[in-house]
Amino acid sequence: MSLRRRIAGAAALAVAAVAITLAVVGYLSTRSALIGQVRTDLRERAANYLQPHAGGPPGGRQGPPGGGEAPGVPGPPELGGAGGYFQVVNPDGTIAYGGKLPVTKQVLELARTGSGGLFFGTHVQGTHEEVYAVWDAPDNHVVMVALPLTDADSVLHGLLLTYGLLIAGGIVLAAVLGLAISRSALRPIDRFVRNTERVTKELDRPERLEGTDAIELQRLADSFNQTLDALERSIESQRQLVADASHELRTPIAALRSNIQIFLDSDRLPEEDRRGLQESIIAELDELTQVVADVLELARGSAPTSRVEPIELDTFVREAVERTQRRAPDIRFALDLEPTVIVNNPERVGRALGNVVDNARKWSPPDGDVEISLHDRVLTVRDHGPGFNERDLPHVFDRFYRADDARRMPGSGLGLAIVKQAAQAFGGEAAAANAPDGGGVITIRFGSAPGGDRDRPAPQASAFASRD
């Protein structure tokens, strides 16, 4: 069932519930008023027969037992007449006067106890009657007075018809109005749906939704527009990544293909040339593997991964330095690390730390120094190389961006992009700057720790001078 029909149905049900409640209350109150008026009239009529009479029925003399009539005393009026009907019941349950009203168990109990009065309704000879039975103490019998409810029933039957028509008309009117209101209220949502469907079909140029007068729908439009903006940025970023990766992979693949073709005919080459060709192929394969791994890492985005756990960041930094030290034994690393625990993906953090340390190694002069410090979850890596060109600083962390001086060096321009992505995964950031006395400085701020840093002694600053 559509939302429009549900709204119309809900409106109809609400009106029906209100109308039925009002009808029931009106009917019961009217019935109570009519029956109350009849009972008041019955009490007045019974009071006349509870007084002693000089000659007449129940008040001063009784008819013969069994319902006969006393000589010279007129019989009771016709049952159902406007004047009412009267009947007298003896304490033993026999009828002394009248004879058409039923003597119920309640009337017999009243005659037995000899006190009180009661009302009840009954049908006698097809006529609906309201009966009042009361104990007459002076004459020691029960007086029963009855009046027809024909007029009251007629009024109540008319009310039932009127209320039924009102309820039916109200439900139909509520359903029609509910459809009209729902159509008007859901028109902006229908427009949103159409635009969303169009956006789904045409992701190249997603259109923005226009707002409405309704605050809630305006917020919905703003939220959807923000989603579209994020989607557009994500699509553009992925397209740029694919385009840049295609460009970067083209060169090593072409060189690798050329070398392999030459290697197929290497039987005619000298042994030294063949060995150099093999080393070149292996180097190009390594470079290609590194580029593919970097592209896959960046394709994951900066969103937190499913595998996250507390990480001893200072330990990871030491391991990254040790790996780099093996490749560059002439570089001196000075460490100033405090115990630090963060929550992140271990593989991602390890790769990012390796990249930033290796970047400092590449730009350091022979026998140069690299200073690394870690305090308050902020890692600072400084080399003593030429530093960053001022025009390159805004693009240091861009994907596949390589400065003019870096094009002669191996690499794909993805290392620092991976560093920034790892920092942003949990609300951190990365920045690049030049040191006042020369050299480049990379600063990485990682996200907050799960429960504070672990309480363990901090290592002293040291210089790695291992020679492998």
Protein backbone atom coordinates (compact mmCIF):
# COMPACT_ATOMS: atom_id res chain seq x y z
CA MET A 1 0.00 0.00 0.00
CA SER A 2 1.33 3.44 -0.92
CA LEU A 3 2.11 6.06 1.70
CA ARG A 4 -0.57 8.32 0.24
CA ARG A 5 -3.24 5.69 0.79
CA ARG A 6 -1.94 4.96 4.26
CA ILE A 7 -2.29 8.62 5.21
CA ALA A 8 -5.82 8.72 3.78
CA GLY A 9 -6.70 5.49 5.60
CA ALA A 10 -5.26 6.80 8.87
CA ALA A 11 -7.29 9.99 8.54
CA ALA A 12 -10.45 7.99 7.82
CA LEU A 13 -9.85 5.70 10.80
CA ALA A 14 -9.21 8.67 13.09
CA VAL A 15 -12.42 10.39 12.01
CA ALA A 16 -14.33 7.11 12.29
CA ALA A 17 -13.04 6.56 15.84
CA VAL A 18 -14.00 10.09 16.89
CA ALA A 19 -17.38 9.90 15.17
CA ILE A 20 -18.23 6.51 16.67
CA THR A 21 -17.18 7.67 20.13
CA LEU A 22 -19.34 10.79 19.86
CA ALA A 23 -22.23 8.76 18.47
CA VAL A 24 -22.06 6.21 21.29
CA VAL A 25 -21.81 8.93 23.93
CA GLY A 26 -24.69 10.88 22.35
CA TYR A 27 -26.86 7.81 22.00
CA LEU A 28 -26.27 6.63 25.57
CA SER A 29 -26.80 10.11 27.04
CA THR A 30 -30.04 10.57 25.06
CA ARG A 31 -31.26 7.11 26.04
CA SER A 32 -30.40 7.80 29.68
CA ALA A 33 -32.32 11.07 29.57
CA LEU A 34 -35.40 9.48 27.95
CA ILE A 35 -35.44 6.49 30.30
CA GLY A 36 -34.85 8.83 33.24
CA GLN A 37 -37.89 10.88 32.26
CA VAL A 38 -40.03 7.72 32.00
CA ARG A 39 -38.81 6.52 35.41
CA THR A 40 -39.60 9.87 36.99
CA ASP A 41 -43.13 9.61 35.59
CA LEU A 42 -43.40 6.04 36.94
CA ARG A 43 -42.41 7.17 40.43
CA GLU A 44 -45.08 9.90 40.38
CA ARG A 45 -47.76 7.49 39.24
CA ALA A 46 -46.74 4.86 41.81
CA ALA A 47 -46.87 7.49 44.56
CA ASN A 48 -50.57 8.03 43.91
CA TYR A 49 -51.25 4.36 44.62
CA LEU A 50 -49.12 4.27 47.71
CA GLN A 51 -51.54 6.64 49.42
CA PRO A 52 -54.71 5.24 51.14
CA HIS A 53 -57.81 5.43 48.90
CA ALA A 54 -61.47 5.54 50.02
CA GLY A 55 -62.55 3.26 47.26
CA GLY A 56 -60.57 2.02 44.34
CA PRO A 57 -57.76 -0.26 43.54
CA PRO A 58 -54.65 -1.04 45.48
CA GLY A 59 -54.67 1.83 47.96
CA GLY A 60 -57.57 0.80 50.15
CA ARG A 61 -59.07 -2.39 48.92
CA GLN A 62 -57.91 -5.41 46.97
CA GLY A 63 -59.45 -7.46 44.29
CA PRO A 64 -60.02 -11.12 44.87
CA PRO A 65 -56.96 -13.38 44.86
CA GLY A 66 -55.90 -14.78 41.51
CA GLY A 67 -56.28 -11.51 39.62
CA GLY A 68 -60.05 -11.11 39.72
CA GLU A 69 -61.72 -7.73 40.09
CA ALA A 70 -63.66 -6.53 43.15
CA PRO A 71 -67.37 -5.85 42.61
CA GLY A 72 -67.94 -2.22 41.61
CA VAL A 73 -64.20 -1.52 41.03
CA PRO A 74 -63.18 -0.82 37.41
CA GLY A 75 -60.44 -3.07 35.89
CA PRO A 76 -56.90 -1.87 35.14
CA PRO A 77 -56.20 0.19 32.03
CA GLU A 78 -55.01 -1.42 28.79
CA LEU A 79 -51.35 -2.45 28.65
CA GLY A 80 -49.29 -0.05 26.55
CA GLY A 81 -51.64 2.86 26.93
CA ALA A 82 -50.41 6.38 27.58
CA GLY A 83 -51.95 6.36 31.03
CA GLY A 84 -49.85 3.43 32.18
CA TYR A 85 -50.68 0.04 33.55
CA PHE A 86 -50.94 -0.99 37.24
CA GLN A 87 -50.58 -4.30 38.95
CA VAL A 88 -50.59 -5.48 42.58
CA VAL A 89 -48.62 -8.52 43.80
CA ASN A 90 -49.20 -10.16 47.18
CA PRO A 91 -46.29 -11.20 49.42
CA ASP A 92 -46.79 -14.83 48.34
CA GLY A 93 -46.34 -13.88 44.66
CA THR A 94 -49.99 -14.06 43.66
CA ILE A 95 -51.44 -11.21 41.63
CA ALA A 96 -54.13 -9.29 43.49
CA TYR A 97 -54.83 -6.72 40.79
CA GLY A 98 -53.97 -6.61 37.07
CA GLY A 99 -52.28 -9.68 35.72
CA LYS A 100 -50.37 -8.87 32.53
CA LEU A 101 -46.96 -7.83 33.91
CA PRO A 102 -44.44 -10.61 34.59
CA VAL A 103 -43.63 -11.34 38.20
CA THR A 104 -39.87 -11.76 38.06
CA LYS A 105 -37.48 -13.13 40.67
CA GLN A 106 -36.58 -9.57 41.62
CA VAL A 107 -40.25 -8.75 42.24
CA LEU A 108 -40.70 -11.91 44.34
CA GLU A 109 -37.58 -10.99 46.35
CA LEU A 110 -39.03 -7.51 46.86
CA ALA A 111 -42.34 -9.01 48.07
CA ARG A 112 -40.46 -11.38 50.37
CA THR A 113 -38.22 -8.75 51.97
CA GLY A 114 -41.00 -6.16 52.16
CA SER A 115 -38.86 -3.06 51.37
CA GLY A 116 -37.31 -1.12 48.48
CA GLY A 117 -38.12 -0.70 44.81
CA LEU A 118 -36.66 -1.53 41.41
CA PHE A 119 -36.89 -0.72 37.69
CA PHE A 120 -36.66 -3.19 34.82
CA GLY A 121 -37.57 -3.34 31.17
CA THR A 122 -39.62 -6.07 29.55
CA HIS A 123 -41.66 -6.89 26.47
CA VAL A 124 -45.29 -7.78 27.01
CA GLN A 125 -47.61 -8.60 24.11
CA GLY A 126 -45.13 -7.04 21.66
CA THR A 127 -44.85 -3.78 23.59
CA HIS A 128 -41.62 -2.57 25.15
CA GLU A 129 -42.43 -1.54 28.70
CA GLU A 130 -40.50 0.08 31.54
CA VAL A 131 -41.74 -1.29 34.89
CA TYR A 132 -41.37 0.16 38.38
CA ALA A 133 -42.05 -2.17 41.32
CA VAL A 134 -42.21 -0.74 44.86
CA TRP A 135 -43.24 -2.15 48.25
CA ASP A 136 -46.44 -0.64 49.68
CA ALA A 137 -45.96 -0.94 53.45
CA PRO A 138 -49.39 0.20 54.59
CA ASP A 139 -51.21 -2.33 52.39
CA ASN A 140 -48.50 -5.02 52.63
CA HIS A 141 -48.09 -5.69 48.90
CA VAL A 142 -46.00 -4.73 45.84
CA VAL A 143 -47.29 -2.09 43.47
CA MET A 144 -46.08 -2.42 39.86
CA VAL A 145 -46.49 0.49 37.45
CA ALA A 146 -45.65 0.21 33.72
CA LEU A 147 -45.34 2.76 30.92
CA PRO A 148 -44.65 2.00 27.26
CA LEU A 149 -41.24 2.96 25.77
CA THR A 150 -42.59 3.27 22.26
CA ASP A 151 -41.85 6.99 21.94
CA ALA A 152 -38.38 6.63 23.46
CA ASP A 153 -37.54 3.71 21.17
CA SER A 154 -38.72 5.70 18.16
CA VAL A 155 -36.44 8.60 19.08
CA LEU A 156 -33.48 6.28 19.67
CA HIS A 157 -34.00 4.45 16.38
CA GLY A 158 -34.00 7.80 14.63
CA LEU A 159 -30.74 8.72 16.36
CA LEU A 160 -29.15 5.45 15.23
CA LEU A 161 -29.99 6.23 11.61
CA THR A 162 -28.76 9.80 11.93
CA TYR A 163 -25.53 8.83 13.64
CA GLY A 164 -24.91 6.04 11.13
CA LEU A 165 -25.25 8.45 8.20
CA LEU A 166 -23.00 10.99 9.93
CA ILE A 167 -20.31 8.37 10.62
CA ALA A 168 -20.37 7.04 7.07
CA GLY A 169 -20.30 10.54 5.59
CA GLY A 170 -17.50 11.59 7.92
CA ILE A 171 -15.37 8.56 6.99
CA VAL A 172 -15.82 9.19 3.27
CA LEU A 173 -15.07 12.91 3.67
CA ALA A 174 -12.01 12.15 5.81
CA ALA A 175 -10.70 9.69 3.22
CA VAL A 176 -11.12 12.24 0.43
CA LEU A 177 -9.49 15.01 2.45
CA GLY A 178 -6.73 12.63 3.55
CA LEU A 179 -5.92 11.81 -0.07
CA ALA A 180 -5.87 15.49 -0.97
CA ILE A 181 -3.68 16.42 2.01
CA SER A 182 -1.31 13.50 1.48
CA ARG A 183 -0.97 14.34 -2.19
CA SER A 184 -0.06 17.91 -1.30
CA ALA A 185 2.28 16.91 1.54
CA LEU A 186 4.07 14.21 -0.45
CA ARG A 187 4.54 16.28 -3.61
CA PRO A 188 8.02 17.51 -2.51
CA ILE A 189 9.01 13.95 -1.59
CA ASP A 190 7.86 12.75 -5.02
CA ARG A 191 10.09 15.42 -6.53
CA PHE A 192 12.97 14.22 -4.35
CA VAL A 193 12.41 10.65 -5.52
CA ARG A 194 12.39 11.67 -9.18
CA ASN A 195 15.59 13.66 -8.74
CA THR A 196 17.19 10.77 -6.85
CA GLU A 197 16.30 8.37 -9.64
CA ARG A 198 17.74 10.78 -12.17
CA VAL A 199 20.92 11.11 -10.09
CA THR A 200 21.22 7.33 -9.96
CA LYS A 201 21.04 7.16 -13.75
CA GLU A 202 23.29 10.17 -14.35
CA LEU A 203 26.07 10.12 -11.79
CA ASP A 204 28.25 12.29 -14.04
CA ARG A 205 26.25 15.44 -13.28
CA PRO A 206 24.11 14.99 -10.16
CA GLU A 207 21.53 17.75 -9.78
CA ARG A 208 20.86 19.50 -6.50
CA LEU A 209 17.43 19.40 -4.91
CA GLU A 210 15.45 22.56 -4.38
CA GLY A 211 14.15 23.33 -0.91
CA THR A 212 10.56 23.73 0.20
CA ASP A 213 8.66 25.76 2.74
CA ALA A 214 8.54 22.82 5.15
CA ILE A 215 11.46 22.88 7.58
CA GLU A 216 11.70 19.08 7.70
CA LEU A 217 11.76 18.75 3.92
CA GLN A 218 14.28 21.59 3.66
CA ARG A 219 16.57 19.70 6.03
CA LEU A 220 16.05 16.55 3.96
CA ALA A 221 17.01 18.45 0.81
CA ASP A 222 20.12 19.93 2.44
CA SER A 223 21.17 16.52 3.76
CA PHE A 224 20.68 14.91 0.37
CA ASN A 225 22.63 17.69 -1.33
CA GLN A 226 25.51 17.13 1.08
CA THR A 227 25.39 13.43 0.21
CA LEU A 228 25.50 14.31 -3.47
CA ASP A 229 28.50 16.57 -2.89
CA ALA A 230 30.34 13.81 -1.06
CA LEU A 231 29.39 11.31 -3.77
CA GLU A 232 30.59 13.65 -6.50
CA ARG A 233 33.91 14.22 -4.73
CA SER A 234 34.35 10.48 -4.22
CA ILE A 235 33.59 9.70 -7.86
CA GLU A 236 35.96 12.42 -9.06
CA SER A 237 38.67 11.20 -6.70
CA GLN A 238 38.35 7.61 -7.89
CA ARG A 239 38.39 8.69 -11.52
CA GLN A 240 41.49 10.77 -10.91
CA LEU A 241 43.13 7.85 -9.12
CA VAL A 242 42.39 5.52 -12.03
CA ALA A 243 43.64 8.05 -14.56
CA ASP A 244 46.85 8.76 -12.62
CA ALA A 245 47.46 5.07 -11.98
CA SER A 246 47.02 4.31 -15.67
CA HIS A 247 49.54 7.01 -16.54
CA GLU A 248 52.06 5.84 -13.93
CA LEU A 249 51.72 2.17 -14.86
CA ARG A 250 52.14 2.78 -18.56
CA THR A 251 55.85 3.62 -18.34
CA PRO A 252 57.07 0.65 -16.25
CA ILE A 253 54.88 -1.76 -18.19
CA ALA A 254 56.25 -0.47 -21.51
CA ALA A 255 59.83 -0.66 -20.26
CA LEU A 256 59.24 -4.12 -18.83
CA ARG A 257 57.76 -5.35 -22.10
CA SER A 258 60.68 -3.98 -24.07
CA ASN A 259 63.25 -5.58 -21.79
CA ILE A 260 61.44 -8.92 -21.85
CA GLN A 261 61.41 -8.89 -25.65
CA ILE A 262 65.12 -8.19 -25.63
CA PHE A 263 65.71 -10.89 -23.04
CA LEU A 264 64.02 -13.44 -25.30
CA ASP A 265 66.87 -12.91 -27.75
CA SER A 266 69.54 -12.66 -25.05
CA ASP A 267 71.42 -15.70 -26.36
CA ARG A 268 73.28 -13.39 -28.73
CA LEU A 269 74.17 -10.90 -25.94
CA PRO A 270 77.35 -11.00 -23.87
CA GLU A 271 77.02 -12.47 -20.37
CA GLU A 272 77.51 -9.09 -18.70
CA ASP A 273 74.72 -7.51 -20.77
CA ARG A 274 72.40 -10.41 -20.02
CA ARG A 275 73.03 -10.04 -16.29
CA GLY A 276 72.31 -6.31 -16.46
CA LEU A 277 69.13 -6.96 -18.44
CA GLN A 278 67.94 -9.43 -15.81
CA GLU A 279 68.59 -6.94 -13.02
CA SER A 280 66.72 -4.27 -14.96
CA ILE A 281 63.69 -6.55 -15.41
CA ILE A 282 63.65 -7.41 -11.71
CA ALA A 283 63.92 -3.73 -10.75
CA GLU A 284 61.08 -2.79 -13.08
CA LEU A 285 58.96 -5.61 -11.67
CA ASP A 286 59.65 -4.36 -8.16
CA GLU A 287 58.68 -0.84 -9.17
CA LEU A 288 55.50 -2.10 -10.83
CA THR A 289 54.61 -4.15 -7.76
CA GLN A 290 55.17 -1.14 -5.54
CA VAL A 291 52.97 1.09 -7.69
CA VAL A 292 50.15 -1.48 -7.72
CA ALA A 293 50.40 -1.90 -3.94
CA ASP A 294 50.30 1.86 -3.42
CA VAL A 295 47.29 2.25 -5.70
CA LEU A 296 45.41 -0.49 -3.86
CA GLU A 297 46.25 1.17 -0.54
CA LEU A 298 44.95 4.55 -1.71
CA ALA A 299 41.82 2.97 -3.22
CA ARG A 300 40.79 1.91 0.28
CA GLY A 301 40.29 5.55 1.17
CA SER A 302 40.75 7.22 4.53
CA ALA A 303 37.73 5.60 6.16
CA PRO A 304 38.53 3.35 9.15
CA THR A 305 39.00 -0.28 8.20
CA SER A 306 37.35 -3.24 9.84
CA ARG A 307 40.61 -4.48 11.37
CA VAL A 308 41.55 -1.93 13.99
CA GLU A 309 43.31 -2.44 17.29
CA PRO A 310 45.46 -0.58 19.81
CA ILE A 311 48.92 0.05 18.37
CA GLU A 312 52.15 0.93 20.18
CA LEU A 313 53.10 3.72 17.82
CA ASP A 314 56.60 4.22 19.24
CA THR A 315 57.39 0.53 18.61
CA PHE A 316 56.17 0.79 15.02
CA VAL A 317 58.38 3.85 14.47
CA ARG A 318 61.44 1.97 15.71
CA GLU A 319 60.69 -0.95 13.41
CA ALA A 320 60.29 1.38 10.42
CA VAL A 321 63.61 3.06 11.25
CA GLU A 322 65.37 -0.30 11.56
CA ARG A 323 64.13 -1.41 8.13
CA THR A 324 65.26 1.86 6.54
CA GLN A 325 68.60 1.72 8.38
CA ARG A 326 69.39 -1.58 6.69
CA ARG A 327 68.98 -0.01 3.25
CA ALA A 328 70.90 3.14 4.19
CA PRO A 329 73.53 2.28 6.82
CA ASP A 330 75.29 5.62 6.33
CA ILE A 331 72.23 7.62 7.54
CA ARG A 332 72.08 8.43 11.25
CA PHE A 333 68.64 8.37 12.91
CA ALA A 334 68.14 10.25 16.19
CA LEU A 335 64.97 9.18 18.01
CA ASP A 336 63.05 10.93 20.78
CA LEU A 337 59.96 8.77 21.34
CA GLU A 338 57.51 8.65 24.20
CA PRO A 339 55.23 5.64 24.76
CA THR A 340 52.13 6.22 22.63
CA VAL A 341 49.11 4.05 21.91
CA ILE A 342 46.66 4.77 19.10
CA VAL A 343 43.76 2.90 17.50
CA ASN A 344 44.26 2.18 13.82
CA ASN A 345 44.94 -0.52 11.28
CA PRO A 346 48.41 -1.98 11.98
CA GLU A 347 49.21 -2.67 8.33
CA ARG A 348 48.17 0.81 7.24
CA VAL A 349 50.15 2.54 10.00
CA GLY A 350 53.23 0.40 9.38
CA ARG A 351 53.17 1.24 5.67
CA ALA A 352 52.70 4.95 6.34
CA LEU A 353 55.58 5.07 8.84
CA GLY A 354 57.84 3.21 6.43
CA ASN A 355 57.00 5.72 3.69
CA VAL A 356 57.66 8.83 5.77
CA VAL A 357 60.96 7.48 7.16
CA ASP A 358 62.08 6.31 3.71
CA ASN A 359 61.18 9.72 2.26
CA ALA A 360 63.52 11.36 4.79
CA ARG A 361 66.21 8.85 3.88
CA LYS A 362 65.94 9.59 0.15
CA TRP A 363 66.34 13.36 0.63
CA SER A 364 69.14 13.16 3.19
CA PRO A 365 72.71 13.72 2.00
CA PRO A 366 75.30 10.93 2.47
CA ASP A 367 76.16 10.54 6.13
CA GLY A 368 73.21 12.82 6.91
CA ASP A 369 71.04 12.95 9.99
CA VAL A 370 67.31 12.28 10.37
CA GLU A 371 65.61 13.44 13.56
CA ILE A 372 62.39 11.69 14.61
CA SER A 373 60.33 12.67 17.66
CA LEU A 374 56.98 11.44 19.01
CA HIS A 375 55.10 13.39 21.67
CA ASP A 376 51.35 13.69 22.38
CA ARG A 377 50.58 11.43 19.39
CA VAL A 378 52.39 13.83 17.05
CA LEU A 379 55.21 12.32 14.97
CA THR A 380 57.79 14.70 13.51
CA VAL A 381 60.33 13.53 10.91
CA ARG A 382 63.04 15.99 9.86
CA ASP A 383 65.79 15.47 7.32
CA HIS A 384 68.74 17.74 6.52
CA GLY A 385 68.36 17.69 2.77
CA PRO A 386 67.41 20.50 0.38
CA GLY A 387 63.87 20.81 1.80
CA PHE A 388 60.67 21.45 -0.18
CA ASN A 389 60.29 23.93 -2.98
CA GLU A 390 57.75 26.52 -1.88
CA ARG A 391 55.56 25.90 -4.90
CA ASP A 392 55.50 22.17 -4.11
CA LEU A 393 54.42 22.47 -0.46
CA PRO A 394 50.63 22.60 -1.18
CA HIS A 395 50.93 19.40 -3.27
CA VAL A 396 53.29 17.27 -1.20
CA PHE A 397 50.53 14.87 -0.15
CA ASP A 398 48.72 14.77 -3.52
CA ARG A 399 48.49 11.46 -5.32
CA PHE A 400 51.14 10.89 -7.99
CA TYR A 401 52.55 14.35 -7.47
CA ARG A 402 56.30 14.50 -7.90
CA ALA A 403 58.48 17.58 -7.65
CA ASP A 404 60.83 18.40 -10.49
CA ASP A 405 63.83 17.31 -8.42
CA ALA A 406 62.14 14.01 -7.54
CA ARG A 407 61.47 12.84 -11.07
CA ARG A 408 64.99 11.45 -11.40
CA MET A 409 64.46 9.32 -8.27
CA PRO A 410 62.62 6.00 -8.12
CA GLY A 411 59.07 6.10 -6.83
CA SER A 412 55.50 6.76 -7.91
CA GLY A 413 54.56 9.84 -5.90
CA LEU A 414 52.15 7.89 -3.70
CA GLY A 415 54.20 7.48 -0.52
CA LEU A 416 53.21 10.69 1.27
CA ALA A 417 49.61 10.37 0.01
CA ILE A 418 49.42 7.07 1.89
CA VAL A 419 50.87 8.79 4.97
CA LYS A 420 48.15 11.43 4.95
CA GLN A 421 45.43 8.83 4.38
CA ALA A 422 46.57 6.76 7.35
CA ALA A 423 46.54 9.83 9.59
CA GLN A 424 43.07 10.92 8.46
CA ALA A 425 41.57 7.46 9.04
CA PHE A 426 40.89 8.33 12.69
CA GLY A 427 40.70 12.10 12.68
CA GLY A 428 44.40 12.92 12.35
CA GLU A 429 46.26 15.05 9.81
CA ALA A 430 49.62 15.44 8.10
CA ALA A 431 51.59 18.56 7.18
CA ALA A 432 54.85 19.44 5.45
CA ALA A 433 57.16 22.41 6.04
CA ASN A 434 60.76 23.55 5.75
CA ALA A 435 62.98 23.77 8.79
CA PRO A 436 64.43 27.27 9.48
CA ASP A 437 68.00 26.03 9.15
CA GLY A 438 67.32 23.80 6.15
CA GLY A 439 65.76 20.43 5.48
CA GLY A 440 62.20 19.19 5.23
CA VAL A 441 59.84 18.46 8.12
CA ILE A 442 56.88 16.06 7.94
CA THR A 443 54.45 16.25 10.89
CA ILE A 444 51.78 13.59 11.44
CA ARG A 445 49.12 13.88 14.13
CA PHE A 446 47.35 10.59 14.83
CA GLY A 447 43.91 10.10 16.39
CA SER A 448 43.24 9.74 20.10
CA ALA A 449 44.26 6.68 22.07
CA PRO A 450 41.65 4.16 23.33
CA GLY A 451 42.37 4.76 27.01
CA GLY A 452 45.50 6.82 27.27
CA ASP A 453 49.07 5.82 26.62
CA ARG A 454 50.34 2.71 28.28
CA ASP A 455 52.31 3.12 31.39
CA ARG A 456 55.79 1.90 30.53
CA PRO A 457 59.19 3.55 30.67
CA ALA A 458 60.08 5.79 27.76
CA PRO A 459 63.15 4.90 25.75
CA GLN A 460 66.08 7.25 25.68
CA ALA A 461 66.95 9.11 22.51
CA SER A 462 69.37 7.08 20.49
CA ALA A 463 71.15 7.01 17.20
CA PHE A 464 70.98 3.90 15.06
CA ALA A 465 74.36 3.08 13.65
CA SER A 466 73.90 -0.53 12.71
CA ARG A 467 75.78 -1.89 9.72
CA ASP A 468 74.22 -4.88 7.94
